[in-house]
mmCIF file of all heavy atoms, coordinates in Angstrom:
data_MODEL
# 
_entry.id   MODEL 
# 
loop_
_atom_site.group_PDB 
_atom_site.id 
_atom_site.type_symbol 
_atom_site.label_atom_id 
_atom_site.label_alt_id 
_atom_site.label_comp_id 
_atom_site.label_asym_id 
_atom_site.label_entity_id 
_atom_site.label_seq_id 
_atom_site.pdbx_PDB_ins_code 
_atom_site.Cartn_x 
_atom_site.Cartn_y 
_atom_site.Cartn_z 
_atom_site.occupancy 
_atom_site.B_iso_or_equiv 
_atom_site.pdbx_formal_charge 
_atom_site.auth_seq_id 
_atom_site.auth_comp_id 
_atom_site.auth_asym_id 
_atom_site.auth_atom_id 
_atom_site.pdbx_PDB_model_num 
ATOM 1   N N   . ILE A 1 1  ? 46.289 91.375  79.746 1.00 0.00 ? 1  ILE A N   1 
ATOM 2   C CA  . ILE A 1 1  ? 47.112 92.544  80.022 1.00 0.00 ? 1  ILE A CA  1 
ATOM 3   C C   . ILE A 1 1  ? 48.578 92.117  80.140 1.00 0.00 ? 1  ILE A C   1 
ATOM 4   O O   . ILE A 1 1  ? 48.906 91.176  80.855 1.00 0.00 ? 1  ILE A O   1 
ATOM 5   C CB  . ILE A 1 1  ? 46.638 93.262  81.303 1.00 0.00 ? 1  ILE A CB  1 
ATOM 6   C CG1 . ILE A 1 1  ? 45.226 93.841  81.098 1.00 0.00 ? 1  ILE A CG1 1 
ATOM 7   C CG2 . ILE A 1 1  ? 47.613 94.358  81.720 1.00 0.00 ? 1  ILE A CG2 1 
ATOM 8   C CD1 . ILE A 1 1  ? 45.139 94.882  79.989 1.00 0.00 ? 1  ILE A CD1 1 
ATOM 9   N N   . SER A 1 2  ? 49.443 92.809  79.410 1.00 0.00 ? 2  SER A N   1 
ATOM 10  C CA  . SER A 1 2  ? 50.893 92.559  79.307 1.00 0.00 ? 2  SER A CA  1 
ATOM 11  C C   . SER A 1 2  ? 51.248 91.446  78.323 1.00 0.00 ? 2  SER A C   1 
ATOM 12  O O   . SER A 1 2  ? 52.422 91.065  78.245 1.00 0.00 ? 2  SER A O   1 
ATOM 13  C CB  . SER A 1 2  ? 51.534 92.251  80.668 1.00 0.00 ? 2  SER A CB  1 
ATOM 14  O OG  . SER A 1 2  ? 51.586 93.414  81.457 1.00 0.00 ? 2  SER A OG  1 
ATOM 15  N N   . ASN A 1 3  ? 50.291 90.948  77.543 1.00 0.00 ? 3  ASN A N   1 
ATOM 16  C CA  . ASN A 1 3  ? 50.688 89.873  76.627 1.00 0.00 ? 3  ASN A CA  1 
ATOM 17  C C   . ASN A 1 3  ? 51.513 90.375  75.445 1.00 0.00 ? 3  ASN A C   1 
ATOM 18  O O   . ASN A 1 3  ? 52.183 89.579  74.782 1.00 0.00 ? 3  ASN A O   1 
ATOM 19  C CB  . ASN A 1 3  ? 49.508 88.996  76.190 1.00 0.00 ? 3  ASN A CB  1 
ATOM 20  C CG  . ASN A 1 3  ? 48.455 89.712  75.377 1.00 0.00 ? 3  ASN A CG  1 
ATOM 21  O OD1 . ASN A 1 3  ? 48.619 90.854  74.983 1.00 0.00 ? 3  ASN A OD1 1 
ATOM 22  N ND2 . ASN A 1 3  ? 47.350 89.024  75.132 1.00 0.00 ? 3  ASN A ND2 1 
ATOM 23  N N   . THR A 1 4  ? 51.538 91.685  75.193 1.00 0.00 ? 4  THR A N   1 
ATOM 24  C CA  . THR A 1 4  ? 52.472 92.176  74.170 1.00 0.00 ? 4  THR A CA  1 
ATOM 25  C C   . THR A 1 4  ? 53.924 92.024  74.636 1.00 0.00 ? 4  THR A C   1 
ATOM 26  O O   . THR A 1 4  ? 54.831 91.895  73.807 1.00 0.00 ? 4  THR A O   1 
ATOM 27  C CB  . THR A 1 4  ? 52.205 93.643  73.796 1.00 0.00 ? 4  THR A CB  1 
ATOM 28  O OG1 . THR A 1 4  ? 52.293 94.462  74.962 1.00 0.00 ? 4  THR A OG1 1 
ATOM 29  C CG2 . THR A 1 4  ? 50.847 93.808  73.136 1.00 0.00 ? 4  THR A CG2 1 
ATOM 30  N N   . SER A 1 5  ? 54.139 92.031  75.953 1.00 0.00 ? 5  SER A N   1 
ATOM 31  C CA  . SER A 1 5  ? 55.493 91.813  76.470 1.00 0.00 ? 5  SER A CA  1 
ATOM 32  C C   . SER A 1 5  ? 55.935 90.381  76.191 1.00 0.00 ? 5  SER A C   1 
ATOM 33  O O   . SER A 1 5  ? 57.054 90.141  75.714 1.00 0.00 ? 5  SER A O   1 
ATOM 34  C CB  . SER A 1 5  ? 55.543 92.103  77.976 1.00 0.00 ? 5  SER A CB  1 
ATOM 35  O OG  . SER A 1 5  ? 55.307 93.472  78.237 1.00 0.00 ? 5  SER A OG  1 
ATOM 36  N N   . SER A 1 6  ? 55.072 89.419  76.476 1.00 0.00 ? 6  SER A N   1 
ATOM 37  C CA  . SER A 1 6  ? 55.382 88.026  76.161 1.00 0.00 ? 6  SER A CA  1 
ATOM 38  C C   . SER A 1 6  ? 55.606 87.842  74.667 1.00 0.00 ? 6  SER A C   1 
ATOM 39  O O   . SER A 1 6  ? 56.537 87.149  74.241 1.00 0.00 ? 6  SER A O   1 
ATOM 40  C CB  . SER A 1 6  ? 54.251 87.106  76.627 1.00 0.00 ? 6  SER A CB  1 
ATOM 41  O OG  . SER A 1 6  ? 54.346 86.843  77.998 1.00 0.00 ? 6  SER A OG  1 
ATOM 42  N N   . ALA A 1 7  ? 54.755 88.466  73.864 1.00 0.00 ? 7  ALA A N   1 
ATOM 43  C CA  . ALA A 1 7  ? 54.874 88.334  72.408 1.00 0.00 ? 7  ALA A CA  1 
ATOM 44  C C   . ALA A 1 7  ? 56.197 88.907  71.911 1.00 0.00 ? 7  ALA A C   1 
ATOM 45  O O   . ALA A 1 7  ? 56.835 88.336  71.014 1.00 0.00 ? 7  ALA A O   1 
ATOM 46  C CB  . ALA A 1 7  ? 53.702 89.017  71.722 1.00 0.00 ? 7  ALA A CB  1 
ATOM 47  N N   . ALA A 1 8  ? 56.623 90.022  72.488 1.00 0.00 ? 8  ALA A N   1 
ATOM 48  C CA  . ALA A 1 8  ? 57.895 90.632  72.089 1.00 0.00 ? 8  ALA A CA  1 
ATOM 49  C C   . ALA A 1 8  ? 59.070 89.724  72.430 1.00 0.00 ? 8  ALA A C   1 
ATOM 50  O O   . ALA A 1 8  ? 60.014 89.565  71.643 1.00 0.00 ? 8  ALA A O   1 
ATOM 51  C CB  . ALA A 1 8  ? 58.051 91.994  72.753 1.00 0.00 ? 8  ALA A CB  1 
ATOM 52  N N   . LEU A 1 9  ? 59.032 89.115  73.615 1.00 0.00 ? 9  LEU A N   1 
ATOM 53  C CA  . LEU A 1 9  ? 60.089 88.191  74.019 1.00 0.00 ? 9  LEU A CA  1 
ATOM 54  C C   . LEU A 1 9  ? 60.131 86.970  73.099 1.00 0.00 ? 9  LEU A C   1 
ATOM 55  O O   . LEU A 1 9  ? 61.204 86.530  72.663 1.00 0.00 ? 9  LEU A O   1 
ATOM 56  C CB  . LEU A 1 9  ? 59.881 87.755  75.467 1.00 0.00 ? 9  LEU A CB  1 
ATOM 57  C CG  . LEU A 1 9  ? 60.152 88.820  76.530 1.00 0.00 ? 9  LEU A CG  1 
ATOM 58  C CD1 . LEU A 1 9  ? 59.523 88.425  77.865 1.00 0.00 ? 9  LEU A CD1 1 
ATOM 59  C CD2 . LEU A 1 9  ? 61.657 89.044  76.696 1.00 0.00 ? 9  LEU A CD2 1 
ATOM 60  N N   . LEU A 1 10 ? 58.963 86.420  72.791 1.00 0.00 ? 10 LEU A N   1 
ATOM 61  C CA  . LEU A 1 10 ? 58.900 85.263  71.894 1.00 0.00 ? 10 LEU A CA  1 
ATOM 62  C C   . LEU A 1 10 ? 59.356 85.642  70.489 1.00 0.00 ? 10 LEU A C   1 
ATOM 63  O O   . LEU A 1 10 ? 60.085 84.888  69.829 1.00 0.00 ? 10 LEU A O   1 
ATOM 64  C CB  . LEU A 1 10 ? 57.480 84.704  71.865 1.00 0.00 ? 10 LEU A CB  1 
ATOM 65  C CG  . LEU A 1 10 ? 57.003 84.049  73.165 1.00 0.00 ? 10 LEU A CG  1 
ATOM 66  C CD1 . LEU A 1 10 ? 55.499 83.818  73.125 1.00 0.00 ? 10 LEU A CD1 1 
ATOM 67  C CD2 . LEU A 1 10 ? 57.739 82.729  73.425 1.00 0.00 ? 10 LEU A CD2 1 
ATOM 68  N N   . MET A 1 11 ? 58.953 86.805  70.047 1.00 0.00 ? 11 MET A N   1 
ATOM 69  C CA  . MET A 1 11 ? 59.374 87.280  68.734 1.00 0.00 ? 11 MET A CA  1 
ATOM 70  C C   . MET A 1 11 ? 60.892 87.361  68.653 1.00 0.00 ? 11 MET A C   1 
ATOM 71  O O   . MET A 1 11 ? 61.515 86.889  67.691 1.00 0.00 ? 11 MET A O   1 
ATOM 72  C CB  . MET A 1 11 ? 58.763 88.655  68.453 1.00 0.00 ? 11 MET A CB  1 
ATOM 73  C CG  . MET A 1 11 ? 59.276 89.310  67.183 1.00 0.00 ? 11 MET A CG  1 
ATOM 74  S SD  . MET A 1 11 ? 58.669 91.009  67.015 1.00 0.00 ? 11 MET A SD  1 
ATOM 75  C CE  . MET A 1 11 ? 59.643 91.556  65.591 1.00 0.00 ? 11 MET A CE  1 
ATOM 76  N N   . SER A 1 12 ? 61.512 87.955  69.655 1.00 0.00 ? 12 SER A N   1 
ATOM 77  C CA  . SER A 1 12 ? 62.958 88.103  69.660 1.00 0.00 ? 12 SER A CA  1 
ATOM 78  C C   . SER A 1 12 ? 63.643 86.736  69.667 1.00 0.00 ? 12 SER A C   1 
ATOM 79  O O   . SER A 1 12 ? 64.636 86.518  68.953 1.00 0.00 ? 12 SER A O   1 
ATOM 80  C CB  . SER A 1 12 ? 63.403 88.931  70.868 1.00 0.00 ? 12 SER A CB  1 
ATOM 81  O OG  . SER A 1 12 ? 64.781 89.219  70.803 1.00 0.00 ? 12 SER A OG  1 
ATOM 82  N N   . TYR A 1 13 ? 63.099 85.803  70.436 1.00 0.00 ? 13 TYR A N   1 
ATOM 83  C CA  . TYR A 1 13 ? 63.691 84.468  70.503 1.00 0.00 ? 13 TYR A CA  1 
ATOM 84  C C   . TYR A 1 13 ? 63.628 83.753  69.147 1.00 0.00 ? 13 TYR A C   1 
ATOM 85  O O   . TYR A 1 13 ? 64.628 83.194  68.686 1.00 0.00 ? 13 TYR A O   1 
ATOM 86  C CB  . TYR A 1 13 ? 62.981 83.627  71.565 1.00 0.00 ? 13 TYR A CB  1 
ATOM 87  C CG  . TYR A 1 13 ? 63.498 82.209  71.637 1.00 0.00 ? 13 TYR A CG  1 
ATOM 88  C CD1 . TYR A 1 13 ? 64.669 81.908  72.327 1.00 0.00 ? 13 TYR A CD1 1 
ATOM 89  C CD2 . TYR A 1 13 ? 62.835 81.164  70.984 1.00 0.00 ? 13 TYR A CD2 1 
ATOM 90  C CE1 . TYR A 1 13 ? 65.164 80.608  72.374 1.00 0.00 ? 13 TYR A CE1 1 
ATOM 91  C CE2 . TYR A 1 13 ? 63.331 79.861  71.028 1.00 0.00 ? 13 TYR A CE2 1 
ATOM 92  C CZ  . TYR A 1 13 ? 64.489 79.596  71.724 1.00 0.00 ? 13 TYR A CZ  1 
ATOM 93  O OH  . TYR A 1 13 ? 64.987 78.311  71.759 1.00 0.00 ? 13 TYR A OH  1 
ATOM 94  N N   . PHE A 1 14 ? 62.475 83.766  68.508 1.00 0.00 ? 14 PHE A N   1 
ATOM 95  C CA  . PHE A 1 14 ? 62.301 82.981  67.287 1.00 0.00 ? 14 PHE A CA  1 
ATOM 96  C C   . PHE A 1 14 ? 62.863 83.661  66.042 1.00 0.00 ? 14 PHE A C   1 
ATOM 97  O O   . PHE A 1 14 ? 63.241 82.981  65.080 1.00 0.00 ? 14 PHE A O   1 
ATOM 98  C CB  . PHE A 1 14 ? 60.827 82.637  67.078 1.00 0.00 ? 14 PHE A CB  1 
ATOM 99  C CG  . PHE A 1 14 ? 60.311 81.625  68.060 1.00 0.00 ? 14 PHE A CG  1 
ATOM 100 C CD1 . PHE A 1 14 ? 59.391 81.982  69.035 1.00 0.00 ? 14 PHE A CD1 1 
ATOM 101 C CD2 . PHE A 1 14 ? 60.764 80.323  68.028 1.00 0.00 ? 14 PHE A CD2 1 
ATOM 102 C CE1 . PHE A 1 14 ? 58.922 81.049  69.958 1.00 0.00 ? 14 PHE A CE1 1 
ATOM 103 C CE2 . PHE A 1 14 ? 60.309 79.373  68.948 1.00 0.00 ? 14 PHE A CE2 1 
ATOM 104 C CZ  . PHE A 1 14 ? 59.388 79.746  69.911 1.00 0.00 ? 14 PHE A CZ  1 
ATOM 105 N N   . THR A 1 15 ? 62.919 84.982  66.033 1.00 0.00 ? 15 THR A N   1 
ATOM 106 C CA  . THR A 1 15 ? 63.406 85.702  64.853 1.00 0.00 ? 15 THR A CA  1 
ATOM 107 C C   . THR A 1 15 ? 64.841 86.187  64.998 1.00 0.00 ? 15 THR A C   1 
ATOM 108 O O   . THR A 1 15 ? 65.457 86.576  64.009 1.00 0.00 ? 15 THR A O   1 
ATOM 109 C CB  . THR A 1 15 ? 62.529 86.924  64.545 1.00 0.00 ? 15 THR A CB  1 
ATOM 110 O OG1 . THR A 1 15 ? 62.671 87.880  65.612 1.00 0.00 ? 15 THR A OG1 1 
ATOM 111 C CG2 . THR A 1 15 ? 61.063 86.531  64.390 1.00 0.00 ? 15 THR A CG2 1 
ATOM 112 N N   . GLU A 1 16 ? 65.336 86.223  66.243 1.00 0.00 ? 16 GLU A N   1 
ATOM 113 C CA  . GLU A 1 16 ? 66.659 86.760  66.567 1.00 0.00 ? 16 GLU A CA  1 
ATOM 114 C C   . GLU A 1 16 ? 66.757 88.255  66.270 1.00 0.00 ? 16 GLU A C   1 
ATOM 115 O O   . GLU A 1 16 ? 67.852 88.797  66.061 1.00 0.00 ? 16 GLU A O   1 
ATOM 116 C CB  . GLU A 1 16 ? 67.765 85.981  65.842 1.00 0.00 ? 16 GLU A CB  1 
ATOM 117 C CG  . GLU A 1 16 ? 67.796 84.498  66.226 1.00 0.00 ? 16 GLU A CG  1 
ATOM 118 C CD  . GLU A 1 16 ? 68.937 83.734  65.578 1.00 0.00 ? 16 GLU A CD  1 
ATOM 119 O OE1 . GLU A 1 16 ? 69.621 84.305  64.714 1.00 0.00 ? 16 GLU A OE1 1 
ATOM 120 O OE2 . GLU A 1 16 ? 69.150 82.560  65.947 1.00 0.00 ? 16 GLU A OE2 1 
ATOM 121 N N   . ILE A 1 17 ? 65.628 88.922  66.273 1.00 0.00 ? 17 ILE A N   1 
ATOM 122 C CA  . ILE A 1 17 ? 65.589 90.384  66.157 1.00 0.00 ? 17 ILE A CA  1 
ATOM 123 C C   . ILE A 1 17 ? 65.752 90.971  67.559 1.00 0.00 ? 17 ILE A C   1 
ATOM 124 O O   . ILE A 1 17 ? 65.129 90.487  68.500 1.00 0.00 ? 17 ILE A O   1 
ATOM 125 C CB  . ILE A 1 17 ? 64.262 90.841  65.526 1.00 0.00 ? 17 ILE A CB  1 
ATOM 126 C CG1 . ILE A 1 17 ? 64.172 90.342  64.083 1.00 0.00 ? 17 ILE A CG1 1 
ATOM 127 C CG2 . ILE A 1 17 ? 64.121 92.361  65.581 1.00 0.00 ? 17 ILE A CG2 1 
ATOM 128 C CD1 . ILE A 1 17 ? 62.816 90.576  63.432 1.00 0.00 ? 17 ILE A CD1 1 
ATOM 129 N N   . PRO A 1 18 ? 66.572 92.003  67.739 1.00 0.00 ? 18 PRO A N   1 
ATOM 130 C CA  . PRO A 1 18 ? 66.778 92.581  69.074 1.00 0.00 ? 18 PRO A CA  1 
ATOM 131 C C   . PRO A 1 18 ? 65.468 93.010  69.730 1.00 0.00 ? 18 PRO A C   1 
ATOM 132 O O   . PRO A 1 18 ? 64.548 93.489  69.047 1.00 0.00 ? 18 PRO A O   1 
ATOM 133 C CB  . PRO A 1 18 ? 67.688 93.784  68.817 1.00 0.00 ? 18 PRO A CB  1 
ATOM 134 C CG  . PRO A 1 18 ? 68.379 93.478  67.526 1.00 0.00 ? 18 PRO A CG  1 
ATOM 135 C CD  . PRO A 1 18 ? 67.393 92.688  66.718 1.00 0.00 ? 18 PRO A CD  1 
ATOM 136 N N   . ILE A 1 19 ? 65.406 92.867  71.043 1.00 0.00 ? 19 ILE A N   1 
ATOM 137 C CA  . ILE A 1 19 ? 64.206 93.236  71.804 1.00 0.00 ? 19 ILE A CA  1 
ATOM 138 C C   . ILE A 1 19 ? 63.767 94.666  71.499 1.00 0.00 ? 19 ILE A C   1 
ATOM 139 O O   . ILE A 1 19 ? 62.571 94.956  71.390 1.00 0.00 ? 19 ILE A O   1 
ATOM 140 C CB  . ILE A 1 19 ? 64.470 93.073  73.321 1.00 0.00 ? 19 ILE A CB  1 
ATOM 141 C CG1 . ILE A 1 19 ? 64.334 91.604  73.735 1.00 0.00 ? 19 ILE A CG1 1 
ATOM 142 C CG2 . ILE A 1 19 ? 63.497 93.910  74.144 1.00 0.00 ? 19 ILE A CG2 1 
ATOM 143 C CD1 . ILE A 1 19 ? 62.904 91.097  73.773 1.00 0.00 ? 19 ILE A CD1 1 
ATOM 144 N N   . SER A 1 20 ? 64.710 95.561  71.338 1.00 0.00 ? 20 SER A N   1 
ATOM 145 C CA  . SER A 1 20 ? 64.370 96.969  71.105 1.00 0.00 ? 20 SER A CA  1 
ATOM 146 C C   . SER A 1 20 ? 63.520 97.161  69.856 1.00 0.00 ? 20 SER A C   1 
ATOM 147 O O   . SER A 1 20 ? 62.748 98.118  69.755 1.00 0.00 ? 20 SER A O   1 
ATOM 148 C CB  . SER A 1 20 ? 65.636 97.812  70.989 1.00 0.00 ? 20 SER A CB  1 
ATOM 149 O OG  . SER A 1 20 ? 66.445 97.361  69.914 1.00 0.00 ? 20 SER A OG  1 
ATOM 150 N N   . GLU A 1 21 ? 63.643 96.235  68.893 1.00 0.00 ? 21 GLU A N   1 
ATOM 151 C CA  . GLU A 1 21 ? 62.864 96.328  67.657 1.00 0.00 ? 21 GLU A CA  1 
ATOM 152 C C   . GLU A 1 21 ? 61.566 95.532  67.727 1.00 0.00 ? 21 GLU A C   1 
ATOM 153 O O   . GLU A 1 21 ? 60.767 95.563  66.793 1.00 0.00 ? 21 GLU A O   1 
ATOM 154 C CB  . GLU A 1 21 ? 63.704 95.836  66.474 1.00 0.00 ? 21 GLU A CB  1 
ATOM 155 C CG  . GLU A 1 21 ? 64.950 96.662  66.217 1.00 0.00 ? 21 GLU A CG  1 
ATOM 156 C CD  . GLU A 1 21 ? 65.755 96.146  65.044 1.00 0.00 ? 21 GLU A CD  1 
ATOM 157 O OE1 . GLU A 1 21 ? 65.135 95.694  64.059 1.00 0.00 ? 21 GLU A OE1 1 
ATOM 158 O OE2 . GLU A 1 21 ? 66.995 96.180  65.112 1.00 0.00 ? 21 GLU A OE2 1 
ATOM 159 N N   . CYS A 1 22 ? 61.374 94.833  68.831 1.00 0.00 ? 22 CYS A N   1 
ATOM 160 C CA  . CYS A 1 22 ? 60.176 94.007  68.999 1.00 0.00 ? 22 CYS A CA  1 
ATOM 161 C C   . CYS A 1 22 ? 59.133 94.655  69.907 1.00 0.00 ? 22 CYS A C   1 
ATOM 162 O O   . CYS A 1 22 ? 57.976 94.239  69.918 1.00 0.00 ? 22 CYS A O   1 
ATOM 163 C CB  . CYS A 1 22 ? 60.551 92.649  69.593 1.00 0.00 ? 22 CYS A CB  1 
ATOM 164 S SG  . CYS A 1 22 ? 61.756 91.709  68.620 1.00 0.00 ? 22 CYS A SG  1 
ATOM 165 N N   . VAL A 1 23 ? 59.534 95.633  70.683 1.00 0.00 ? 23 VAL A N   1 
ATOM 166 C CA  . VAL A 1 23 ? 58.665 96.234  71.702 1.00 0.00 ? 23 VAL A CA  1 
ATOM 167 C C   . VAL A 1 23 ? 57.967 97.467  71.151 1.00 0.00 ? 23 VAL A C   1 
ATOM 168 O O   . VAL A 1 23 ? 58.617 98.385  70.632 1.00 0.00 ? 23 VAL A O   1 
ATOM 169 C CB  . VAL A 1 23 ? 59.477 96.615  72.961 1.00 0.00 ? 23 VAL A CB  1 
ATOM 170 C CG1 . VAL A 1 23 ? 58.598 97.361  73.958 1.00 0.00 ? 23 VAL A CG1 1 
ATOM 171 C CG2 . VAL A 1 23 ? 60.066 95.370  73.609 1.00 0.00 ? 23 VAL A CG2 1 
ATOM 172 N N   . GLY A 1 24 ? 56.641 97.493  71.287 1.00 0.00 ? 24 GLY A N   1 
ATOM 173 C CA  . GLY A 1 24 ? 55.856 98.649  70.878 1.00 0.00 ? 24 GLY A CA  1 
ATOM 174 C C   . GLY A 1 24 ? 55.088 99.228  72.046 1.00 0.00 ? 24 GLY A C   1 
ATOM 175 O O   . GLY A 1 24 ? 55.401 98.968  73.214 1.00 0.00 ? 24 GLY A O   1 
ATOM 176 N N   . SER A 1 25 ? 54.054 99.970  71.740 1.00 0.00 ? 25 SER A N   1 
ATOM 177 C CA  . SER A 1 25 ? 53.315 100.697 72.778 1.00 0.00 ? 25 SER A CA  1 
ATOM 178 C C   . SER A 1 25 ? 52.291 99.835  73.501 1.00 0.00 ? 25 SER A C   1 
ATOM 179 O O   . SER A 1 25 ? 51.754 100.234 74.533 1.00 0.00 ? 25 SER A O   1 
ATOM 180 C CB  . SER A 1 25 ? 52.616 101.914 72.178 1.00 0.00 ? 25 SER A CB  1 
ATOM 181 O OG  . SER A 1 25 ? 51.665 101.521 71.205 1.00 0.00 ? 25 SER A OG  1 
ATOM 182 N N   . GLY A 1 26 ? 52.007 98.632  72.941 1.00 0.00 ? 26 GLY A N   1 
ATOM 183 C CA  . GLY A 1 26 ? 51.029 97.768  73.606 1.00 0.00 ? 26 GLY A CA  1 
ATOM 184 C C   . GLY A 1 26 ? 49.683 98.450  73.715 1.00 0.00 ? 26 GLY A C   1 
ATOM 185 O O   . GLY A 1 26 ? 49.111 98.894  72.723 1.00 0.00 ? 26 GLY A O   1 
ATOM 186 N N   . THR A 1 27 ? 49.180 98.558  74.946 1.00 0.00 ? 27 THR A N   1 
ATOM 187 C CA  . THR A 1 27 ? 47.867 99.171  75.152 1.00 0.00 ? 27 THR A CA  1 
ATOM 188 C C   . THR A 1 27 ? 47.943 100.676 75.332 1.00 0.00 ? 27 THR A C   1 
ATOM 189 O O   . THR A 1 27 ? 46.995 101.282 75.814 1.00 0.00 ? 27 THR A O   1 
ATOM 190 C CB  . THR A 1 27 ? 47.178 98.544  76.382 1.00 0.00 ? 27 THR A CB  1 
ATOM 191 O OG1 . THR A 1 27 ? 48.101 98.521  77.472 1.00 0.00 ? 27 THR A OG1 1 
ATOM 192 C CG2 . THR A 1 27 ? 46.714 97.129  76.085 1.00 0.00 ? 27 THR A CG2 1 
ATOM 193 N N   . GLY A 1 28 ? 49.065 101.271 74.950 1.00 0.00 ? 28 GLY A N   1 
ATOM 194 C CA  . GLY A 1 28 ? 49.100 102.731 74.947 1.00 0.00 ? 28 GLY A CA  1 
ATOM 195 C C   . GLY A 1 28 ? 50.213 103.393 75.727 1.00 0.00 ? 28 GLY A C   1 
ATOM 196 O O   . GLY A 1 28 ? 50.033 104.504 76.234 1.00 0.00 ? 28 GLY A O   1 
ATOM 197 N N   . LEU A 1 29 ? 51.381 102.771 75.822 1.00 0.00 ? 29 LEU A N   1 
ATOM 198 C CA  . LEU A 1 29 ? 52.511 103.385 76.517 1.00 0.00 ? 29 LEU A CA  1 
ATOM 199 C C   . LEU A 1 29 ? 53.031 104.590 75.737 1.00 0.00 ? 29 LEU A C   1 
ATOM 200 O O   . LEU A 1 29 ? 53.040 104.592 74.502 1.00 0.00 ? 29 LEU A O   1 
ATOM 201 C CB  . LEU A 1 29 ? 53.648 102.373 76.677 1.00 0.00 ? 29 LEU A CB  1 
ATOM 202 C CG  . LEU A 1 29 ? 53.436 101.210 77.656 1.00 0.00 ? 29 LEU A CG  1 
ATOM 203 C CD1 . LEU A 1 29 ? 54.600 100.231 77.536 1.00 0.00 ? 29 LEU A CD1 1 
ATOM 204 C CD2 . LEU A 1 29 ? 53.316 101.721 79.081 1.00 0.00 ? 29 LEU A CD2 1 
# 
């Protein structure tokens, strides 16, 4: 639970894509 948050942070770090474009609904937000 919440590992999409970690994945979004890692994605932004390694790709340099803004966090806003890395964050999705996860388990249903």
